[in-house]
Amino acid sequence: MALDTSMPILVVDDYQTMIRIIRNLLKQLGFENVDDASDGSAAIEKMRDKRYGLVISDWNMEPMSGFELLQRVREEEKLAQTPFIIVTAESKTENVIAARKAGVSNYIVKPFNAQTLKTKIESVCAA
């Protein structure tokens, strides 16, 4: 299935280096329309202003975690259908289960490469 590389993607991470890494991986995959936010609150504001085809968010952030962001996105009718991938360094089963219950589209454990990212994006966004 072909991916729509023109779709807008929002990368949310409080660590600028990680945003740069994910941005570069997305660029390798052909995605040019990439915005970023340094925390969940900023991400929600951006999502209210612009319709994103995908959100890629870190789990561990302050003051609002990626998990809390996911919950907020799923609660807002206008945002609830947005595909959402959580990125984390932890692969704790209880975190994966909690994220699934909250409506996460997919889950990526760090470290990962462009191929892993592509596979995850295809699984949630391929038409």
C-alpha atoms as a PDB file:
ATOM      1  CA  MET A   1       0.000   0.000   0.000  1.00  0.00           C
ATOM      2  CA  ALA A   2       1.238   3.459  -0.868  1.00  0.00           C
ATOM      3  CA  LEU A   3       1.798   5.934   1.909  1.00  0.00           C
ATOM      4  CA  ASP A   4       0.642   9.512   1.484  1.00  0.00           C
ATOM      5  CA  THR A   5       3.988  11.243   2.033  1.00  0.00           C
ATOM      6  CA  SER A   6       2.302  14.649   1.727  1.00  0.00           C
ATOM      7  CA  MET A   7       0.232  14.129   4.881  1.00  0.00           C
ATOM      8  CA  PRO A   8       1.104  16.425   7.779  1.00  0.00           C
ATOM      9  CA  ILE A   9       2.817  14.703  10.706  1.00  0.00           C
ATOM     10  CA  LEU A  10       3.256  16.071  14.219  1.00  0.00           C
ATOM     11  CA  VAL A  11       6.296  14.856  16.187  1.00  0.00           C
ATOM     12  CA  VAL A  12       6.025  15.453  19.945  1.00  0.00           C
ATOM     13  CA  ASP A  13       9.078  15.100  22.188  1.00  0.00           C
ATOM     14  CA  ASP A  14      10.602  17.233  24.923  1.00  0.00           C
ATOM     15  CA  TYR A  15      14.070  16.256  23.710  1.00  0.00           C
ATOM     16  CA  GLN A  16      15.090  18.291  20.627  1.00  0.00           C
ATOM     17  CA  THR A  17      17.643  15.696  19.518  1.00  0.00           C
ATOM     18  CA  MET A  18      14.931  13.027  19.322  1.00  0.00           C
ATOM     19  CA  ILE A  19      12.703  15.354  17.306  1.00  0.00           C
ATOM     20  CA  ARG A  20      15.607  15.874  14.889  1.00  0.00           C
ATOM     21  CA  ILE A  21      16.220  12.104  14.616  1.00  0.00           C
ATOM     22  CA  ILE A  22      12.551  11.312  13.908  1.00  0.00           C
ATOM     23  CA  ARG A  23      12.334  14.245  11.481  1.00  0.00           C
ATOM     24  CA  ASN A  24      15.372  12.887   9.585  1.00  0.00           C
ATOM     25  CA  LEU A  25      13.906   9.371   9.475  1.00  0.00           C
ATOM     26  CA  LEU A  26      10.613  10.758   8.171  1.00  0.00           C
ATOM     27  CA  LYS A  27      12.510  12.760   5.536  1.00  0.00           C
ATOM     28  CA  GLN A  28      14.300   9.552   4.430  1.00  0.00           C
ATOM     29  CA  LEU A  29      10.850   8.019   3.987  1.00  0.00           C
ATOM     30  CA  GLY A  30       9.728  10.983   1.862  1.00  0.00           C
ATOM     31  CA  PHE A  31       7.693  12.939   4.421  1.00  0.00           C
ATOM     32  CA  GLU A  32       8.317  16.682   4.137  1.00  0.00           C
ATOM     33  CA  ASN A  33       5.292  18.130   5.959  1.00  0.00           C
ATOM     34  CA  VAL A  34       6.516  17.606   9.543  1.00  0.00           C
ATOM     35  CA  ASP A  35       5.776  19.858  12.499  1.00  0.00           C
ATOM     36  CA  ASP A  36       6.973  19.394  16.048  1.00  0.00           C
ATOM     37  CA  ALA A  37       5.937  20.234  19.589  1.00  0.00           C
ATOM     38  CA  SER A  38       8.058  20.083  22.719  1.00  0.00           C
ATOM     39  CA  ASP A  39       5.251  18.936  25.030  1.00  0.00           C
ATOM     40  CA  GLY A  40       1.696  17.631  25.098  1.00  0.00           C
ATOM     41  CA  SER A  41       0.076  21.024  25.719  1.00  0.00           C
ATOM     42  CA  ALA A  42       1.773  22.554  22.681  1.00  0.00           C
ATOM     43  CA  ALA A  43       0.810  19.473  20.638  1.00  0.00           C
ATOM     44  CA  ILE A  44      -2.885  19.800  21.537  1.00  0.00           C
ATOM     45  CA  GLU A  45      -2.838  23.477  20.515  1.00  0.00           C
ATOM     46  CA  LYS A  46      -1.229  22.625  17.158  1.00  0.00           C
ATOM     47  CA  MET A  47      -3.716  19.793  16.599  1.00  0.00           C
ATOM     48  CA  ARG A  48      -6.617  22.172  17.182  1.00  0.00           C
ATOM     49  CA  ASP A  49      -5.211  24.534  14.548  1.00  0.00           C
ATOM     50  CA  LYS A  50      -4.171  22.003  11.909  1.00  0.00           C
ATOM     51  CA  ARG A  51      -5.409  18.561  10.912  1.00  0.00           C
ATOM     52  CA  TYR A  52      -2.582  16.010  11.139  1.00  0.00           C
ATOM     53  CA  GLY A  53      -2.508  12.669   9.355  1.00  0.00           C
ATOM     54  CA  LEU A  54      -0.354  11.204  12.135  1.00  0.00           C
ATOM     55  CA  VAL A  55       1.028  12.054  15.559  1.00  0.00           C
ATOM     56  CA  ILE A  56       4.300  10.466  16.725  1.00  0.00           C
ATOM     57  CA  SER A  57       4.789  11.164  20.421  1.00  0.00           C
ATOM     58  CA  ASP A  58       7.341  10.259  23.044  1.00  0.00           C
ATOM     59  CA  TRP A  59       5.885   8.600  26.156  1.00  0.00           C
ATOM     60  CA  ASN A  60       8.107  10.232  28.793  1.00  0.00           C
ATOM     61  CA  MET A  61       7.612  13.993  28.701  1.00  0.00           C
ATOM     62  CA  GLU A  62       6.943  16.753  31.208  1.00  0.00           C
ATOM     63  CA  PRO A  63       4.575  18.325  32.142  1.00  0.00           C
ATOM     64  CA  MET A  64       2.156  16.228  30.021  1.00  0.00           C
ATOM     65  CA  SER A  65       3.306  12.713  29.093  1.00  0.00           C
ATOM     66  CA  GLY A  66       2.688  11.165  25.695  1.00  0.00           C
ATOM     67  CA  PHE A  67       0.196   8.841  27.363  1.00  0.00           C
ATOM     68  CA  GLU A  68      -1.733  11.805  28.792  1.00  0.00           C
ATOM     69  CA  LEU A  69      -1.578  13.488  25.380  1.00  0.00           C
ATOM     70  CA  LEU A  70      -3.031  10.337  23.801  1.00  0.00           C
ATOM     71  CA  GLN A  71      -5.872  10.345  26.336  1.00  0.00           C
ATOM     72  CA  ARG A  72      -6.623  14.029  25.664  1.00  0.00           C
ATOM     73  CA  VAL A  73      -6.569  13.501  21.884  1.00  0.00           C
ATOM     74  CA  ARG A  74      -8.977  10.552  22.145  1.00  0.00           C
ATOM     75  CA  GLU A  75     -11.342  12.625  24.344  1.00  0.00           C
ATOM     76  CA  GLU A  76     -11.667  15.460  21.824  1.00  0.00           C
ATOM     77  CA  GLU A  77     -14.170  14.613  19.125  1.00  0.00           C
ATOM     78  CA  LYS A  78     -12.365  16.648  16.443  1.00  0.00           C
ATOM     79  CA  LEU A  79      -9.016  14.940  17.161  1.00  0.00           C
ATOM     80  CA  ALA A  80     -10.110  11.465  18.271  1.00  0.00           C
ATOM     81  CA  GLN A  81      -9.596   9.722  14.912  1.00  0.00           C
ATOM     82  CA  THR A  82      -6.015  10.951  14.422  1.00  0.00           C
ATOM     83  CA  PRO A  83      -3.585   8.020  14.061  1.00  0.00           C
ATOM     84  CA  PHE A  84      -1.242   8.107  17.056  1.00  0.00           C
ATOM     85  CA  ILE A  85       2.081   6.287  17.526  1.00  0.00           C
ATOM     86  CA  ILE A  86       3.817   6.330  20.908  1.00  0.00           C
ATOM     87  CA  VAL A  87       7.612   6.083  21.026  1.00  0.00           C
ATOM     88  CA  THR A  88       9.262   4.896  24.216  1.00  0.00           C
ATOM     89  CA  ALA A  89      12.476   3.451  25.554  1.00  0.00           C
ATOM     90  CA  GLU A  90      10.447   1.180  27.844  1.00  0.00           C
ATOM     91  CA  SER A  91       8.690  -1.923  26.621  1.00  0.00           C
ATOM     92  CA  LYS A  92       6.844  -2.632  29.862  1.00  0.00           C
ATOM     93  CA  THR A  93       3.826  -4.806  29.184  1.00  0.00           C
ATOM     94  CA  GLU A  94       1.605  -2.701  31.444  1.00  0.00           C
ATOM     95  CA  ASN A  95       2.510   0.441  29.457  1.00  0.00           C
ATOM     96  CA  VAL A  96       1.679  -1.250  26.165  1.00  0.00           C
ATOM     97  CA  ILE A  97      -1.649  -2.481  27.577  1.00  0.00           C
ATOM     98  CA  ALA A  98      -2.497   0.952  29.017  1.00  0.00           C
ATOM     99  CA  ALA A  99      -1.671   2.630  25.706  1.00  0.00           C
ATOM    100  CA  ARG A 100      -3.789   0.103  23.773  1.00  0.00           C
ATOM    101  CA  LYS A 101      -6.739   0.673  26.132  1.00  0.00           C
ATOM    102  CA  ALA A 102      -6.341   4.435  25.661  1.00  0.00           C
ATOM    103  CA  GLY A 103      -6.552   3.969  21.877  1.00  0.00           C
ATOM    104  CA  VAL A 104      -2.967   4.154  20.652  1.00  0.00           C
ATOM    105  CA  SER A 105      -2.650   3.195  16.977  1.00  0.00           C
ATOM    106  CA  ASN A 106       0.809   1.672  17.359  1.00  0.00           C
ATOM    107  CA  TYR A 107       3.864   1.585  19.561  1.00  0.00           C
ATOM    108  CA  ILE A 108       7.586   1.887  18.782  1.00  0.00           C
ATOM    109  CA  VAL A 109      10.340   0.944  21.222  1.00  0.00           C
ATOM    110  CA  LYS A 110      13.635   2.884  20.964  1.00  0.00           C
ATOM    111  CA  PRO A 111      16.036   2.494  19.358  1.00  0.00           C
ATOM    112  CA  PHE A 112      14.438   2.128  15.933  1.00  0.00           C
ATOM    113  CA  ASN A 113      15.331   2.775  12.307  1.00  0.00           C
ATOM    114  CA  ALA A 114      13.597   4.169   9.222  1.00  0.00           C
ATOM    115  CA  GLN A 115      12.312   0.731   8.178  1.00  0.00           C
ATOM    116  CA  THR A 116      10.671   0.139  11.571  1.00  0.00           C
ATOM    117  CA  LEU A 117       9.124   3.600  11.452  1.00  0.00           C
ATOM    118  CA  LYS A 118       7.879   3.005   7.895  1.00  0.00           C
ATOM    119  CA  THR A 119       6.289  -0.327   8.874  1.00  0.00           C
ATOM    120  CA  LYS A 120       4.518   1.258  11.864  1.00  0.00           C
ATOM    121  CA  ILE A 121       3.289   4.220   9.802  1.00  0.00           C
ATOM    122  CA  GLU A 122       2.017   1.870   7.077  1.00  0.00           C
ATOM    123  CA  SER A 123       0.164  -0.191   9.677  1.00  0.00           C
ATOM    124  CA  VAL A 124      -1.786   2.850  10.893  1.00  0.00           C
ATOM    125  CA  CYS A 125      -2.029   5.075   7.800  1.00  0.00           C
ATOM    126  CA  ALA A 126      -2.020   2.964   4.620  1.00  0.00           C
ATOM    127  CA  ALA A 127      -5.260   3.446   2.764  1.00  0.00           C
END
